[in-house]
Each structure stands twice: as C-alpha cells, then as structure tokens.
Amino acid sequence: MASADVEFRCFVGGLAWATDDRALETAFSQYGDVIDSKIINDRETGRSRGFGFVTFKDEKSMKDAIEGMNGQELDGRSITVNEAQSRGEGGGYGGSGGGGGGW
C-alpha cells in the first residue's frame, strides 16, 4: 500500500453537542498539523452525534494528541480519544468508545 493511502486519524468521542469542526481543530492543533477535523452529524436532525475525527499530517502528532487529549475536557465534557479504525470496503463506523470488561 502506498504511503499516500495512510491516514493518521483519531476518533474523538463524548463531545458536547455544541462542539463544532473548528473547535475540534483548535483543540487538537497544539499537537501538530491538522489536515481535517469533522464532527459527525445525524442525517435527519443535523445535530451532532457526539463524536468526530481529527486527521493529522503525521503519526507522531496523532499519537501525541491521543496521549494528551484522551480523558481531557473539551467544552465541558470529558472526551475519549483513540486511533480511528479503518472503514474498510463496506462503509463503516468510526472507532469504539472503549474496551470491554474483565471477562
């Protein structure tokens, strides 16, 4: 796979409904060059679904952002930040909000 196909994207969950793309970019830009920031909205209502994605120029910036922002507060909400999972061929579903229990 060509390196141009690699995306350094992190999933951001637990967002306040008021958080927009610009606020997301501003919060994460301290860790490196943000290529894209996107809040996912409900198709019918247009309201935020409470999660989004931030894409960085390089892997180090993404990893620094995950380490620095996971569990931090943004717009009054504690957010979850982790590496986004690839959507694959059939469309998909961002990242997960956390791990399983101790079963």
N, C-alpha and C. Protein backbone atom coordinates (compact mmCIF):
# COMPACT_ATOMS: atom_id res chain seq x y z
N MET A 1 0.85 -1.18 0.00
CA MET A 1 0.00 0.00 0.00
C MET A 1 0.89 1.24 0.00
N ALA A 2 0.57 2.19 -0.80
CA ALA A 2 1.36 3.41 -0.90
C ALA A 2 1.19 4.24 0.36
N SER A 3 2.23 4.95 0.74
CA SER A 3 2.17 5.74 1.97
C SER A 3 1.14 6.87 1.86
N ALA A 4 0.80 7.27 0.66
CA ALA A 4 -0.20 8.32 0.48
C ALA A 4 -1.58 7.85 0.95
N ASP A 5 -1.78 6.53 1.03
CA ASP A 5 -3.06 5.98 1.46
C ASP A 5 -3.20 5.93 2.98
N VAL A 6 -2.10 6.13 3.68
CA VAL A 6 -2.12 6.04 5.13
C VAL A 6 -2.71 7.33 5.71
N GLU A 7 -3.65 7.17 6.63
CA GLU A 7 -4.22 8.33 7.30
C GLU A 7 -3.93 8.24 8.78
N PHE A 8 -3.54 9.34 9.35
CA PHE A 8 -3.26 9.41 10.77
C PHE A 8 -4.45 10.09 11.44
N ARG A 9 -5.50 9.30 11.64
CA ARG A 9 -6.77 9.84 12.10
C ARG A 9 -7.12 9.28 13.48
N CYS A 10 -7.61 10.16 14.33
CA CYS A 10 -8.07 9.68 15.63
C CYS A 10 -9.56 9.94 15.79
N PHE A 11 -10.18 9.04 16.52
CA PHE A 11 -11.59 9.11 16.87
C PHE A 11 -11.72 9.92 18.15
N VAL A 12 -12.69 10.82 18.19
CA VAL A 12 -12.93 11.63 19.38
C VAL A 12 -14.38 11.45 19.79
N GLY A 13 -14.61 10.85 20.95
CA GLY A 13 -15.96 10.59 21.42
C GLY A 13 -16.28 11.39 22.68
N GLY A 14 -17.57 11.44 23.01
CA GLY A 14 -18.02 12.14 24.21
C GLY A 14 -18.09 13.64 24.03
N LEU A 15 -18.19 14.10 22.79
CA LEU A 15 -18.21 15.54 22.52
C LEU A 15 -19.53 16.18 22.92
N ALA A 16 -19.45 17.43 23.34
CA ALA A 16 -20.65 18.22 23.61
C ALA A 16 -21.34 18.51 22.27
N TRP A 17 -22.66 18.62 22.30
CA TRP A 17 -23.39 18.90 21.06
C TRP A 17 -22.98 20.24 20.46
N ALA A 18 -22.51 21.16 21.30
CA ALA A 18 -22.14 22.49 20.82
C ALA A 18 -20.76 22.51 20.14
N THR A 19 -19.95 21.47 20.33
CA THR A 19 -18.62 21.45 19.74
C THR A 19 -18.72 21.34 18.22
N ASP A 20 -18.00 22.21 17.50
CA ASP A 20 -18.03 22.17 16.04
C ASP A 20 -16.65 21.81 15.49
N ASP A 21 -16.58 21.68 14.16
CA ASP A 21 -15.33 21.29 13.49
C ASP A 21 -14.17 22.21 13.87
N ARG A 22 -14.43 23.49 13.92
CA ARG A 22 -13.38 24.47 14.20
C ARG A 22 -12.86 24.32 15.63
N ALA A 23 -13.75 24.11 16.59
CA ALA A 23 -13.33 23.93 17.99
C ALA A 23 -12.50 22.66 18.13
N LEU A 24 -12.88 21.63 17.40
CA LEU A 24 -12.14 20.37 17.42
C LEU A 24 -10.73 20.59 16.87
N GLU A 25 -10.64 21.28 15.74
CA GLU A 25 -9.33 21.56 15.14
C GLU A 25 -8.47 22.41 16.06
N THR A 26 -9.05 23.42 16.66
CA THR A 26 -8.31 24.30 17.56
C THR A 26 -7.75 23.52 18.75
N ALA A 27 -8.56 22.65 19.33
CA ALA A 27 -8.13 21.89 20.50
C ALA A 27 -6.99 20.93 20.17
N PHE A 28 -7.01 20.36 18.97
CA PHE A 28 -6.03 19.33 18.62
C PHE A 28 -4.81 19.88 17.88
N SER A 29 -4.87 21.11 17.38
CA SER A 29 -3.77 21.65 16.58
C SER A 29 -2.49 21.87 17.39
N GLN A 30 -2.60 21.90 18.71
CA GLN A 30 -1.40 22.05 19.55
C GLN A 30 -0.48 20.85 19.45
N TYR A 31 -0.97 19.73 18.91
CA TYR A 31 -0.16 18.51 18.80
C TYR A 31 0.48 18.33 17.44
N GLY A 32 0.11 19.15 16.47
CA GLY A 32 0.70 19.04 15.14
C GLY A 32 -0.23 19.58 14.07
N ASP A 33 0.14 19.37 12.81
CA ASP A 33 -0.64 19.88 11.68
C ASP A 33 -1.90 19.05 11.49
N VAL A 34 -3.05 19.70 11.67
CA VAL A 34 -4.34 19.04 11.47
C VAL A 34 -4.73 19.21 10.01
N ILE A 35 -4.93 18.09 9.32
CA ILE A 35 -5.34 18.12 7.91
C ILE A 35 -6.85 18.28 7.81
N ASP A 36 -7.58 17.62 8.73
CA ASP A 36 -9.04 17.65 8.67
C ASP A 36 -9.60 17.41 10.07
N SER A 37 -10.71 18.07 10.37
CA SER A 37 -11.44 17.79 11.60
C SER A 37 -12.92 17.76 11.23
N LYS A 38 -13.62 16.75 11.72
CA LYS A 38 -15.01 16.57 11.29
C LYS A 38 -15.86 16.04 12.44
N ILE A 39 -16.92 16.77 12.76
CA ILE A 39 -17.92 16.30 13.71
C ILE A 39 -18.96 15.54 12.89
N ILE A 40 -19.38 14.38 13.38
CA ILE A 40 -20.39 13.60 12.67
C ILE A 40 -21.77 14.03 13.15
N ASN A 41 -22.61 14.41 12.19
CA ASN A 41 -23.96 14.87 12.50
C ASN A 41 -25.00 13.84 12.08
N ASP A 42 -26.13 13.86 12.78
CA ASP A 42 -27.25 13.00 12.44
C ASP A 42 -27.81 13.44 11.09
N ARG A 43 -28.06 12.49 10.21
CA ARG A 43 -28.54 12.82 8.86
C ARG A 43 -29.90 13.51 8.88
N GLU A 44 -30.77 13.09 9.79
CA GLU A 44 -32.13 13.63 9.80
C GLU A 44 -32.24 14.95 10.55
N THR A 45 -31.59 15.05 11.70
CA THR A 45 -31.75 16.26 12.51
C THR A 45 -30.64 17.28 12.29
N GLY A 46 -29.49 16.85 11.77
CA GLY A 46 -28.36 17.74 11.60
C GLY A 46 -27.61 18.01 12.89
N ARG A 47 -28.08 17.42 13.97
CA ARG A 47 -27.46 17.61 15.29
C ARG A 47 -26.25 16.70 15.44
N SER A 48 -25.26 17.17 16.19
CA SER A 48 -24.06 16.38 16.43
C SER A 48 -24.42 15.04 17.06
N ARG A 49 -23.72 14.00 16.64
CA ARG A 49 -23.91 12.68 17.23
C ARG A 49 -22.96 12.45 18.40
N GLY A 50 -22.18 13.48 18.74
CA GLY A 50 -21.32 13.41 19.92
C GLY A 50 -19.95 12.80 19.68
N PHE A 51 -19.60 12.63 18.40
CA PHE A 51 -18.25 12.14 18.10
C PHE A 51 -17.76 12.73 16.79
N GLY A 52 -16.46 12.61 16.57
CA GLY A 52 -15.87 13.13 15.35
C GLY A 52 -14.50 12.54 15.12
N PHE A 53 -13.81 13.08 14.13
CA PHE A 53 -12.49 12.58 13.75
C PHE A 53 -11.55 13.75 13.50
N VAL A 54 -10.29 13.55 13.84
CA VAL A 54 -9.25 14.54 13.55
C VAL A 54 -8.15 13.81 12.80
N THR A 55 -7.77 14.34 11.64
CA THR A 55 -6.71 13.73 10.83
C THR A 55 -5.48 14.61 10.88
N PHE A 56 -4.35 13.98 11.20
CA PHE A 56 -3.07 14.68 11.30
C PHE A 56 -2.18 14.40 10.11
N LYS A 57 -1.19 15.25 9.94
CA LYS A 57 -0.23 15.10 8.84
C LYS A 57 0.72 13.93 9.08
N ASP A 58 1.02 13.65 10.35
CA ASP A 58 1.98 12.57 10.63
C ASP A 58 1.57 11.76 11.86
N GLU A 59 2.17 10.59 11.98
CA GLU A 59 1.82 9.64 13.04
C GLU A 59 2.16 10.17 14.43
N LYS A 60 3.31 10.83 14.55
CA LYS A 60 3.73 11.34 15.87
C LYS A 60 2.70 12.33 16.41
N SER A 61 2.20 13.21 15.57
CA SER A 61 1.20 14.19 16.01
C SER A 61 -0.06 13.48 16.49
N MET A 62 -0.49 12.46 15.73
CA MET A 62 -1.69 11.71 16.10
C MET A 62 -1.49 11.04 17.46
N LYS A 63 -0.37 10.36 17.64
CA LYS A 63 -0.10 9.66 18.90
C LYS A 63 0.02 10.63 20.07
N ASP A 64 0.66 11.77 19.85
CA ASP A 64 0.76 12.79 20.89
C ASP A 64 -0.62 13.32 21.28
N ALA A 65 -1.49 13.51 20.29
CA ALA A 65 -2.84 14.01 20.55
C ALA A 65 -3.66 12.99 21.33
N ILE A 66 -3.53 11.72 20.98
CA ILE A 66 -4.25 10.67 21.70
C ILE A 66 -3.81 10.66 23.16
N GLU A 67 -2.50 10.69 23.36
CA GLU A 67 -1.96 10.67 24.72
C GLU A 67 -2.33 11.93 25.50
N GLY A 68 -2.28 13.07 24.83
CA GLY A 68 -2.53 14.33 25.51
C GLY A 68 -3.99 14.68 25.73
N MET A 69 -4.88 14.21 24.84
CA MET A 69 -6.27 14.64 24.90
C MET A 69 -7.23 13.60 25.49
N ASN A 70 -6.87 12.33 25.47
CA ASN A 70 -7.78 11.30 25.99
C ASN A 70 -8.07 11.56 27.47
N GLY A 71 -9.35 11.66 27.81
CA GLY A 71 -9.76 11.90 29.19
C GLY A 71 -9.80 13.37 29.57
N GLN A 72 -9.38 14.26 28.67
CA GLN A 72 -9.39 15.69 28.95
C GLN A 72 -10.79 16.27 28.72
N GLU A 73 -10.97 17.50 29.15
CA GLU A 73 -12.24 18.17 28.98
C GLU A 73 -12.23 19.08 27.76
N LEU A 74 -13.30 19.01 26.98
CA LEU A 74 -13.48 19.90 25.84
C LEU A 74 -14.92 20.38 25.87
N ASP A 75 -15.12 21.67 25.92
CA ASP A 75 -16.46 22.26 26.01
C ASP A 75 -17.28 21.65 27.14
N GLY A 76 -16.62 21.42 28.29
CA GLY A 76 -17.32 20.93 29.47
C GLY A 76 -17.56 19.43 29.52
N ARG A 77 -17.07 18.69 28.54
CA ARG A 77 -17.27 17.23 28.51
C ARG A 77 -15.93 16.52 28.51
N SER A 78 -15.86 15.41 29.24
CA SER A 78 -14.66 14.57 29.23
C SER A 78 -14.69 13.75 27.94
N ILE A 79 -13.64 13.85 27.13
CA ILE A 79 -13.65 13.19 25.83
C ILE A 79 -12.78 11.93 25.82
N THR A 80 -13.11 11.04 24.91
CA THR A 80 -12.34 9.83 24.66
C THR A 80 -11.65 9.99 23.32
N VAL A 81 -10.35 9.74 23.29
CA VAL A 81 -9.59 9.88 22.04
C VAL A 81 -8.79 8.60 21.83
N ASN A 82 -8.96 7.98 20.66
CA ASN A 82 -8.14 6.83 20.32
C ASN A 82 -7.95 6.76 18.81
N GLU A 83 -7.10 5.85 18.38
CA GLU A 83 -6.82 5.73 16.95
C GLU A 83 -8.06 5.23 16.23
N ALA A 84 -8.46 5.91 15.17
CA ALA A 84 -9.64 5.52 14.40
C ALA A 84 -9.36 4.21 13.67
N GLN A 85 -10.39 3.39 13.58
CA GLN A 85 -10.29 2.14 12.84
C GLN A 85 -10.61 2.42 11.38
N SER A 86 -9.97 1.69 10.49
CA SER A 86 -10.20 1.86 9.06
C SER A 86 -11.64 1.48 8.73
N ARG A 87 -12.26 2.24 7.84
CA ARG A 87 -13.63 1.96 7.45
C ARG A 87 -13.74 0.74 6.55
N GLY A 88 -12.68 0.39 5.87
CA GLY A 88 -12.73 -0.79 5.01
C GLY A 88 -13.57 -0.55 3.77
N GLU A 89 -13.92 -1.61 3.09
CA GLU A 89 -14.64 -1.52 1.83
C GLU A 89 -16.12 -1.21 1.99
N GLY A 90 -16.78 -1.77 3.01
CA GLY A 90 -18.23 -1.69 3.08
C GLY A 90 -18.77 -0.52 3.86
N GLY A 91 -18.04 0.55 3.95
CA GLY A 91 -18.50 1.65 4.76
C GLY A 91 -18.31 1.25 6.21
N GLY A 92 -18.50 2.13 7.12
CA GLY A 92 -18.19 1.67 8.45
C GLY A 92 -18.67 2.56 9.54
N TYR A 93 -17.96 2.47 10.59
CA TYR A 93 -18.40 3.05 11.83
C TYR A 93 -17.21 3.49 12.64
N GLY A 94 -16.61 4.58 12.44
CA GLY A 94 -15.57 5.18 13.27
C GLY A 94 -14.84 4.28 14.22
N GLY A 95 -14.67 4.72 15.42
CA GLY A 95 -13.95 3.95 16.43
C GLY A 95 -14.89 3.53 17.52
N SER A 96 -14.37 2.78 18.46
CA SER A 96 -15.20 2.36 19.57
C SER A 96 -14.94 3.27 20.75
N GLY A 97 -15.87 3.32 21.65
CA GLY A 97 -15.75 4.21 22.78
C GLY A 97 -14.91 3.69 23.92
N GLY A 98 -14.54 2.43 23.90
CA GLY A 98 -13.72 1.92 24.99
C GLY A 98 -13.58 0.43 24.92
N GLY A 99 -12.90 -0.12 25.89
CA GLY A 99 -12.64 -1.55 25.91
C GLY A 99 -13.72 -2.31 26.65
N GLY A 100 -13.61 -3.62 26.62
CA GLY A 100 -14.57 -4.47 27.30
C GLY A 100 -14.21 -4.62 28.76
N GLY A 101 -15.04 -5.36 29.46
CA GLY A 101 -14.81 -5.61 30.88
C GLY A 101 -13.79 -6.72 31.06
N GLY A 102 -13.66 -7.19 32.27
CA GLY A 102 -12.67 -8.20 32.58
C GLY A 102 -13.20 -9.62 32.48
N TRP A 103 -13.89 -9.94 31.47
CA TRP A 103 -14.47 -11.29 31.35
C TRP A 103 -13.48 -12.27 30.87
